[in-house]
Amino acid sequence: MKLVVLAGAICVGYKLITGRWPWEKKLTTRQQAVFRARQLLGVEAQAGREEILAAHKRLVAMVHPDRGGTNDQVHEANAARDLLIDELPGRLGS
């Protein structure tokens, strides 16, 4: 029983120090970027090319400078689209 309590205390301490549980896999920088791109465009991990392009088109229509957005927002949307398309399975170089 003491070992269980000790293991639990170590896990909680690890979570407090690192911000994640010991069994959680640390994401690479690219995986984090892909996650943020999916959030920005509002698409699921299984989204295909057409869904990514449609989400990008909707987002750019909202953040376009002519609609009160900024160039930076459009560039961020374009980068998200490009990253997610590069991540699609079956692409050369992936």
Protein backbone atom coordinates (compact mmCIF):
# COMPACT_ATOMS: atom_id res chain seq x y z
CA MET A 1 0.00 0.00 0.00
CA LYS A 2 2.88 2.34 0.78
CA LEU A 3 4.26 1.82 -2.73
CA VAL A 4 0.93 2.80 -4.30
CA VAL A 5 0.78 6.01 -2.26
CA LEU A 6 4.42 6.77 -3.07
CA ALA A 7 3.84 6.17 -6.79
CA GLY A 8 0.79 8.45 -6.69
CA ALA A 9 2.76 11.18 -4.95
CA ILE A 10 5.55 10.92 -7.52
CA CYS A 11 3.03 11.17 -10.37
CA VAL A 12 1.37 14.25 -8.86
CA GLY A 13 4.78 15.85 -8.27
CA TYR A 14 5.75 15.15 -11.89
CA LYS A 15 2.49 16.74 -13.07
CA LEU A 16 3.11 19.85 -10.96
CA ILE A 17 6.66 20.25 -12.26
CA THR A 18 6.20 19.43 -15.95
CA GLY A 19 2.54 20.24 -16.51
CA ARG A 20 1.76 16.77 -17.86
CA TRP A 21 1.33 13.27 -16.46
CA PRO A 22 4.28 10.85 -16.76
CA TRP A 23 2.37 8.63 -19.19
CA GLU A 24 1.41 11.48 -21.53
CA LYS A 25 3.48 11.54 -24.68
CA LYS A 26 5.29 14.80 -25.27
CA LEU A 27 4.36 16.28 -28.64
CA THR A 28 7.06 17.40 -31.03
CA THR A 29 7.08 20.98 -32.26
CA ARG A 30 5.60 19.90 -35.59
CA GLN A 31 2.83 17.92 -33.88
CA GLN A 32 2.00 20.99 -31.79
CA ALA A 33 1.89 23.12 -34.95
CA VAL A 34 -0.43 20.63 -36.65
CA PHE A 35 -2.69 20.62 -33.58
CA ARG A 36 -2.87 24.44 -33.58
CA ALA A 37 -3.53 24.48 -37.34
CA ARG A 38 -6.44 22.06 -36.90
CA GLN A 39 -7.85 24.22 -34.12
CA LEU A 40 -7.49 27.39 -36.18
CA LEU A 41 -9.24 25.93 -39.20
CA GLY A 42 -11.71 23.97 -37.09
CA VAL A 43 -11.11 20.60 -38.74
CA GLU A 44 -10.78 17.11 -37.31
CA ALA A 45 -7.63 15.00 -37.54
CA GLN A 46 -9.28 12.88 -40.26
CA ALA A 47 -10.10 15.90 -42.47
CA GLY A 48 -9.31 15.47 -46.14
CA ARG A 49 -8.00 17.97 -48.65
CA GLU A 50 -11.43 19.28 -49.63
CA GLU A 51 -12.51 19.81 -46.02
CA ILE A 52 -9.25 21.62 -45.21
CA LEU A 53 -9.63 23.88 -48.25
CA ALA A 54 -13.26 24.65 -47.43
CA ALA A 55 -12.40 25.50 -43.81
CA HIS A 56 -9.56 27.71 -45.01
CA LYS A 57 -11.86 29.52 -47.41
CA ARG A 58 -14.40 30.18 -44.63
CA LEU A 59 -11.72 31.45 -42.27
CA VAL A 60 -10.10 33.74 -44.83
CA ALA A 61 -13.51 35.19 -45.70
CA MET A 62 -13.87 36.19 -42.03
CA VAL A 63 -10.33 37.52 -41.40
CA HIS A 64 -9.67 39.19 -44.75
CA PRO A 65 -8.49 42.81 -44.42
CA ASP A 66 -11.50 43.96 -46.46
CA ARG A 67 -13.70 42.49 -43.71
CA GLY A 68 -11.84 44.02 -40.78
CA GLY A 69 -9.17 41.34 -40.40
CA THR A 70 -5.43 41.69 -40.85
CA ASN A 71 -2.82 40.46 -43.28
CA ASP A 72 -1.23 38.49 -40.42
CA GLN A 73 -4.46 36.57 -39.86
CA VAL A 74 -4.65 35.68 -43.55
CA HIS A 75 -1.01 34.57 -43.53
CA GLU A 76 -1.66 32.43 -40.44
CA ALA A 77 -4.67 30.81 -42.13
CA ASN A 78 -2.60 30.13 -45.26
CA ALA A 79 0.21 28.58 -43.20
CA ALA A 80 -2.30 26.37 -41.35
CA ARG A 81 -3.81 25.20 -44.64
CA ASP A 82 -0.40 24.44 -46.14
CA LEU A 83 0.76 22.54 -43.06
CA LEU A 84 -2.36 20.38 -42.89
CA ILE A 85 -2.23 19.59 -46.60
CA ASP A 86 1.43 18.61 -46.22
CA GLU A 87 0.42 16.26 -43.40
CA LEU A 88 -2.14 14.37 -45.49
CA PRO A 89 -1.29 10.68 -45.92
CA GLY A 90 -0.04 9.60 -49.30
CA ARG A 91 1.87 12.79 -50.08
CA LEU A 92 5.44 12.49 -51.25
CA GLY A 93 7.95 13.65 -48.68
CA SER A 94 5.65 13.01 -45.71
